[in-house]
Protein backbone atom coordinates (compact mmCIF):
# COMPACT_ATOMS: atom_id res chain seq x y z
CA MET A 1 0.49 -2.87 28.20
CA ALA A 2 -1.18 -0.43 30.33
CA GLN A 3 1.01 2.07 32.16
CA PRO A 4 1.38 1.64 36.23
CA LEU A 5 -1.24 3.80 38.00
CA LEU A 6 1.63 6.02 39.74
CA THR A 7 3.11 7.04 36.32
CA GLN A 8 -0.31 7.24 34.27
CA ASP A 9 -0.91 11.07 33.11
CA ARG A 10 2.45 12.22 34.20
CA SER A 11 5.41 14.01 32.55
CA PRO A 12 8.54 12.45 32.61
CA LEU A 13 11.69 14.53 34.10
CA PRO A 14 15.08 13.82 32.47
CA THR A 15 17.19 11.62 34.93
CA HIS A 16 19.94 11.05 32.78
CA VAL A 17 20.88 7.50 34.11
CA ASP A 18 19.62 4.27 33.05
CA GLY A 19 17.64 2.80 35.96
CA LEU A 20 15.89 5.60 37.38
CA HIS A 21 13.13 7.55 36.08
CA ALA A 22 11.23 10.76 37.22
CA TYR A 23 7.57 12.12 37.08
CA VAL A 24 5.41 15.25 38.12
CA GLY A 25 1.95 15.19 37.86
CA GLU A 26 -0.65 18.27 37.72
CA ASP A 27 -2.03 16.88 41.39
CA GLY A 28 1.17 18.24 42.93
CA VAL A 29 2.26 14.37 43.15
CA ALA A 30 5.87 13.74 41.75
CA VAL A 31 7.19 9.87 41.21
CA LEU A 32 10.91 8.26 41.92
CA GLU A 33 10.99 5.04 39.87
CA PHE A 34 13.57 2.42 40.40
CA ALA A 35 13.62 0.88 36.65
CA ARG A 36 15.75 -2.02 36.30
CA PRO A 37 13.50 -4.67 36.55
CA HIS A 38 15.48 -7.53 34.85
CA ARG A 39 18.04 -6.83 38.13
CA ARG A 40 15.30 -6.67 40.55
CA ASN A 41 16.00 -3.05 40.31
CA ALA A 42 19.39 -3.24 41.86
CA ILE A 43 20.90 0.58 42.37
CA THR A 44 23.97 1.01 40.72
CA LEU A 45 26.58 3.33 41.67
CA ALA A 46 25.28 5.60 38.98
CA ILE A 47 22.20 5.85 40.42
CA TRP A 48 23.51 6.29 43.74
CA GLN A 49 25.28 9.66 42.20
CA ALA A 50 22.22 11.05 40.27
CA LEU A 51 19.81 10.47 43.11
CA PRO A 52 20.56 13.84 45.06
CA LYS A 53 20.63 16.04 41.57
CA VAL A 54 17.31 14.38 40.97
CA LEU A 55 15.73 14.68 43.86
CA VAL A 56 16.68 18.74 44.08
CA ARG A 57 15.19 19.03 40.14
CA LEU A 58 11.75 17.16 41.54
CA ALA A 59 12.02 19.67 44.29
CA GLU A 60 12.07 22.63 42.06
CA GLN A 61 9.19 21.67 39.80
CA PRO A 62 6.46 23.76 40.33
CA GLY A 63 3.25 22.61 42.40
CA VAL A 64 5.31 19.19 43.48
CA ARG A 65 4.14 18.55 47.11
CA ALA A 66 4.47 15.21 47.64
CA LEU A 67 7.05 12.39 46.48
CA LEU A 68 6.25 8.52 45.78
CA VAL A 69 9.45 6.25 45.54
CA THR A 70 8.67 2.95 43.87
CA GLY A 71 9.87 0.11 41.94
CA ALA A 72 9.22 -1.18 38.29
CA GLY A 73 7.81 -4.60 37.96
CA GLY A 74 6.48 -5.53 41.03
CA THR A 75 9.88 -5.14 43.25
CA PHE A 76 11.03 -2.20 45.06
CA SER A 77 14.64 -2.76 44.77
CA ALA A 78 16.85 -5.72 46.09
CA GLY A 79 19.61 -2.89 47.10
CA ALA A 80 22.88 -2.45 45.52
CA ASP A 81 24.38 -3.88 42.50
CA ILE A 82 26.03 -7.02 44.30
CA ALA A 83 28.50 -7.77 41.29
CA GLU A 84 29.19 -3.86 40.87
CA LEU A 85 30.21 -4.07 44.85
CA ALA A 86 31.99 -6.91 44.48
CA GLU A 87 34.41 -5.00 42.58
CA VAL A 88 34.00 -1.87 44.46
CA TYR A 89 35.14 -3.86 47.53
CA GLY A 90 38.48 -4.53 45.71
CA ASP A 91 40.02 -1.55 46.84
CA PRO A 92 39.41 -0.03 49.88
CA ASP A 93 39.62 3.43 48.71
CA ARG A 94 36.62 2.82 46.06
CA ALA A 95 34.74 1.19 49.02
CA ASP A 96 35.04 4.30 51.24
CA ASP A 97 33.99 6.74 48.25
CA TYR A 98 31.28 4.15 47.30
CA HIS A 99 29.57 4.34 50.67
CA ALA A 100 30.11 8.18 50.94
CA VAL A 101 28.20 8.42 47.48
CA ASN A 102 25.45 5.77 48.90
CA VAL A 103 25.19 7.97 52.37
CA ALA A 104 24.96 11.06 50.73
CA ALA A 105 21.99 9.73 48.10
CA GLU A 106 19.94 8.66 51.45
CA GLU A 107 20.51 12.05 53.17
CA ALA A 108 19.23 13.70 50.24
CA LEU A 109 16.02 11.78 50.07
CA ALA A 110 15.41 12.61 53.88
CA ALA A 111 15.75 16.15 53.32
CA PHE A 112 13.42 16.16 50.37
CA PRO A 113 11.19 19.31 51.60
CA HIS A 114 7.86 17.77 51.00
CA PRO A 115 6.06 14.40 52.25
CA THR A 116 8.16 11.09 50.69
CA ILE A 117 6.04 8.06 50.56
CA ALA A 118 8.12 4.46 49.71
CA VAL A 119 5.28 2.64 47.86
CA VAL A 120 6.90 -1.16 48.44
CA HIS A 121 5.83 -4.45 46.59
CA GLY A 122 7.79 -7.27 46.51
CA ALA A 123 11.62 -6.84 47.78
CA CYS A 124 12.90 -4.48 49.70
CA VAL A 125 16.31 -5.46 50.50
CA GLY A 126 19.62 -3.98 51.72
CA GLY A 127 20.30 -0.55 49.78
CA GLY A 128 16.43 -0.39 48.79
CA CYS A 129 15.35 -0.95 52.60
CA GLN A 130 18.03 1.97 53.28
CA LEU A 131 16.26 4.51 50.92
CA ALA A 132 12.91 3.18 52.17
CA VAL A 133 13.73 3.99 55.73
CA ALA A 134 14.90 7.57 54.42
CA CYS A 135 11.76 8.23 53.11
CA ASP A 136 8.74 9.89 55.69
CA LEU A 137 6.62 7.08 55.54
CA ARG A 138 6.46 3.62 53.99
CA PHE A 139 3.03 1.81 52.33
CA ILE A 140 3.41 -1.68 51.63
CA ALA A 141 2.06 -4.72 50.11
CA ASP A 142 0.76 -7.50 52.21
CA ASP A 143 3.20 -10.15 50.51
CA ALA A 144 6.31 -7.09 50.70
CA ARG A 145 9.68 -8.37 51.99
CA MET A 146 11.65 -5.78 53.82
CA GLY A 147 15.10 -6.21 55.34
CA ILE A 148 18.67 -4.93 55.70
CA THR A 149 21.17 -7.44 54.96
CA PRO A 150 25.33 -6.37 55.13
CA ALA A 151 25.76 -9.29 58.04
CA LYS A 152 25.13 -11.77 54.74
CA LEU A 153 28.02 -10.04 52.90
CA GLY A 154 30.42 -8.66 55.78
CA VAL A 155 29.83 -5.52 55.02
CA VAL A 156 29.75 -2.64 58.09
CA TYR A 157 26.70 -0.58 57.58
CA PRO A 158 27.19 3.06 57.72
CA ALA A 159 26.39 4.90 60.59
CA VAL A 160 23.81 7.42 59.07
CA PRO A 161 21.63 4.34 58.11
CA THR A 162 22.42 2.90 61.30
CA LEU A 163 20.96 5.57 63.21
CA ARG A 164 18.18 6.06 61.65
CA LEU A 165 16.89 2.74 61.31
CA ALA A 166 17.29 2.47 64.94
CA ARG A 167 15.25 6.03 65.51
CA LEU A 168 12.22 4.17 63.17
CA VAL A 169 12.08 1.04 64.88
CA GLY A 170 14.07 1.19 68.01
CA PRO A 171 17.46 -0.15 68.88
CA ALA A 172 16.55 -3.73 69.60
CA GLN A 173 14.59 -3.93 66.56
CA ALA A 174 17.36 -2.49 64.46
CA LYS A 175 20.01 -5.07 65.77
CA TYR A 176 17.43 -7.96 65.07
CA LEU A 177 17.48 -6.89 61.42
CA LEU A 178 21.02 -5.55 60.94
CA PHE A 179 22.11 -8.70 63.19
CA SER A 180 19.94 -11.44 61.18
CA GLY A 181 19.72 -10.11 57.87
CA GLU A 182 16.46 -11.79 57.70
CA LEU A 183 13.52 -10.37 55.50
CA VAL A 184 10.50 -9.48 57.40
CA THR A 185 6.95 -10.12 55.36
CA GLY A 186 3.99 -8.30 55.29
CA LEU A 187 1.85 -6.96 58.36
CA ARG A 188 4.75 -8.07 60.96
CA ASN A 189 6.83 -5.25 59.20
CA THR A 190 4.22 -2.75 61.02
CA VAL A 191 4.67 -4.38 64.42
CA ILE A 192 8.81 -3.64 64.33
CA GLY A 193 7.69 -0.23 63.10
CA LEU A 194 9.01 -0.27 59.11
CA ALA A 195 5.77 0.03 57.78
CA ASP A 196 2.96 2.32 58.31
CA ARG A 197 0.29 0.59 56.11
CA VAL A 198 0.00 -2.85 54.92
CA VAL A 199 -2.44 -3.22 52.13
CA PRO A 200 -3.20 -6.11 49.30
CA GLY A 201 -0.65 -5.50 46.51
CA GLY A 202 -3.37 -4.95 44.24
CA GLN A 203 -4.74 -1.58 46.43
CA LEU A 204 -1.25 -0.53 47.47
CA ASP A 205 -0.50 2.09 44.57
CA GLY A 206 -4.37 3.29 44.60
CA SER A 207 -3.95 3.44 48.53
CA ALA A 208 -0.36 5.50 48.68
CA LEU A 209 -1.42 7.71 45.31
CA GLU A 210 -5.25 8.66 47.31
CA PHE A 211 -2.87 9.57 50.45
CA ALA A 212 -0.42 11.82 48.44
CA ARG A 213 -3.10 13.77 46.88
CA LEU A 214 -4.43 14.01 50.47
CA LEU A 215 -1.05 15.69 51.85
CA THR A 216 -0.94 17.98 48.74
CA ARG A 217 -4.07 19.52 50.18
CA ARG A 218 -2.50 20.16 53.64
CA SER A 219 -0.57 22.87 54.93
CA PRO A 220 3.14 22.85 53.69
CA GLN A 221 4.12 25.28 56.84
CA THR A 222 2.76 22.37 59.10
CA ILE A 223 4.37 19.48 56.94
CA GLY A 224 7.99 21.77 56.78
CA ALA A 225 7.86 22.28 60.35
CA VAL A 226 7.31 18.69 61.15
CA LYS A 227 10.03 17.43 58.97
CA ALA A 228 12.37 20.06 60.05
CA ALA A 229 11.70 19.19 64.38
CA LEU A 230 12.16 15.15 63.65
CA ALA A 231 15.18 15.89 61.53
CA VAL A 232 17.37 16.92 64.59
CA PRO A 233 18.03 14.98 67.89
CA PRO A 234 15.57 15.93 70.48
CA GLU A 235 17.58 18.86 72.27
CA GLU A 236 17.89 20.68 68.96
CA THR A 237 14.19 20.45 68.29
CA ALA A 238 13.33 23.85 69.63
CA ALA A 239 15.83 25.78 67.52
CA ALA A 240 14.78 23.62 64.39
CA LEU A 241 11.14 24.98 64.98
CA ALA A 242 11.72 28.18 65.61
CA PRO A 243 12.20 29.74 62.51
CA TRP A 244 8.80 28.09 61.46
CA GLU A 245 7.03 29.21 64.29
CA ARG A 246 8.09 32.74 63.67
CA ARG A 247 7.12 32.71 59.88
CA SER A 248 3.96 31.14 60.76
CA ARG A 249 2.66 34.39 62.39
CA GLU A 250 2.85 35.90 59.30
CA ALA A 251 2.61 33.72 56.51
CA PRO A 252 -1.23 33.38 55.12
CA ASP A 253 -1.53 29.21 55.77
CA VAL A 254 -3.04 29.75 59.07
CA ARG A 255 -5.27 32.50 58.34
CA GLU A 256 -6.72 30.42 55.34
CA GLY A 257 -7.00 27.42 57.33
CA LEU A 258 -9.19 29.21 60.33
CA ALA A 259 -11.22 30.93 57.60
CA ALA A 260 -11.91 27.58 56.33
CA PHE A 261 -12.73 25.57 59.47
CA LEU A 262 -15.36 28.65 60.12
CA GLU A 263 -16.59 28.82 56.21
CA GLY A 264 -16.97 25.26 56.10
CA ARG A 265 -15.01 24.57 53.28
CA GLU A 266 -11.45 22.70 52.11
CA PRO A 267 -8.65 25.22 52.73
CA ARG A 268 -6.39 26.35 49.72
CA PHE A 269 -3.05 26.24 50.94
């Protein structure tokens, strides 16, 4: 059986947890893969707990400039492991701890220092969609199904992912998704703002990989500044950008970018 395109010619990075794989490649693109296809890549507590450390290790790998987040076996993730969640909700304190770990994983993904792209085949539901929303961009297959389903379970969705969803799709669409728990298919995800690119399933991995490789050739200074500016409330944007602007006056990126433009060549950031 051929290895999936996104993990071909990449070196595995140990995650020390079942169901979560990480890879790095010489092209500057790292891959994080949910790998429990027999459970539709449902995310266990152990995976939630491991995610922040794995993301730090990926960010520390020399040459990594972009991250693709995907799922094995034609499914992104069906969300939290419901059998595990049912056990957790037997004790209010355990439920509080579980959601704290869940939100910490989401925030670690949102804070990854390089561009992150969720590559979504099949179902992207609940906690899976929470993590996709935490990525910078979402490329999805034309038959992908996305949704956030706490209203079907009686779960109160935490504040951090609720606000992140509302910032992405707007308050009205966030209410639609969270009130109904309905799954949105294919192109309609672009209409409501959940997806940035929709392509036929057979072309999705290639499209996402090509775009990630393009981002590795762009200025990490510019990208880092954009991420910093958009990670804070509007009134804090200027303060978040200030250190990036100061560094840009002395860092080599602008000189290289201008020289490359004048010489008619690709910049080497």
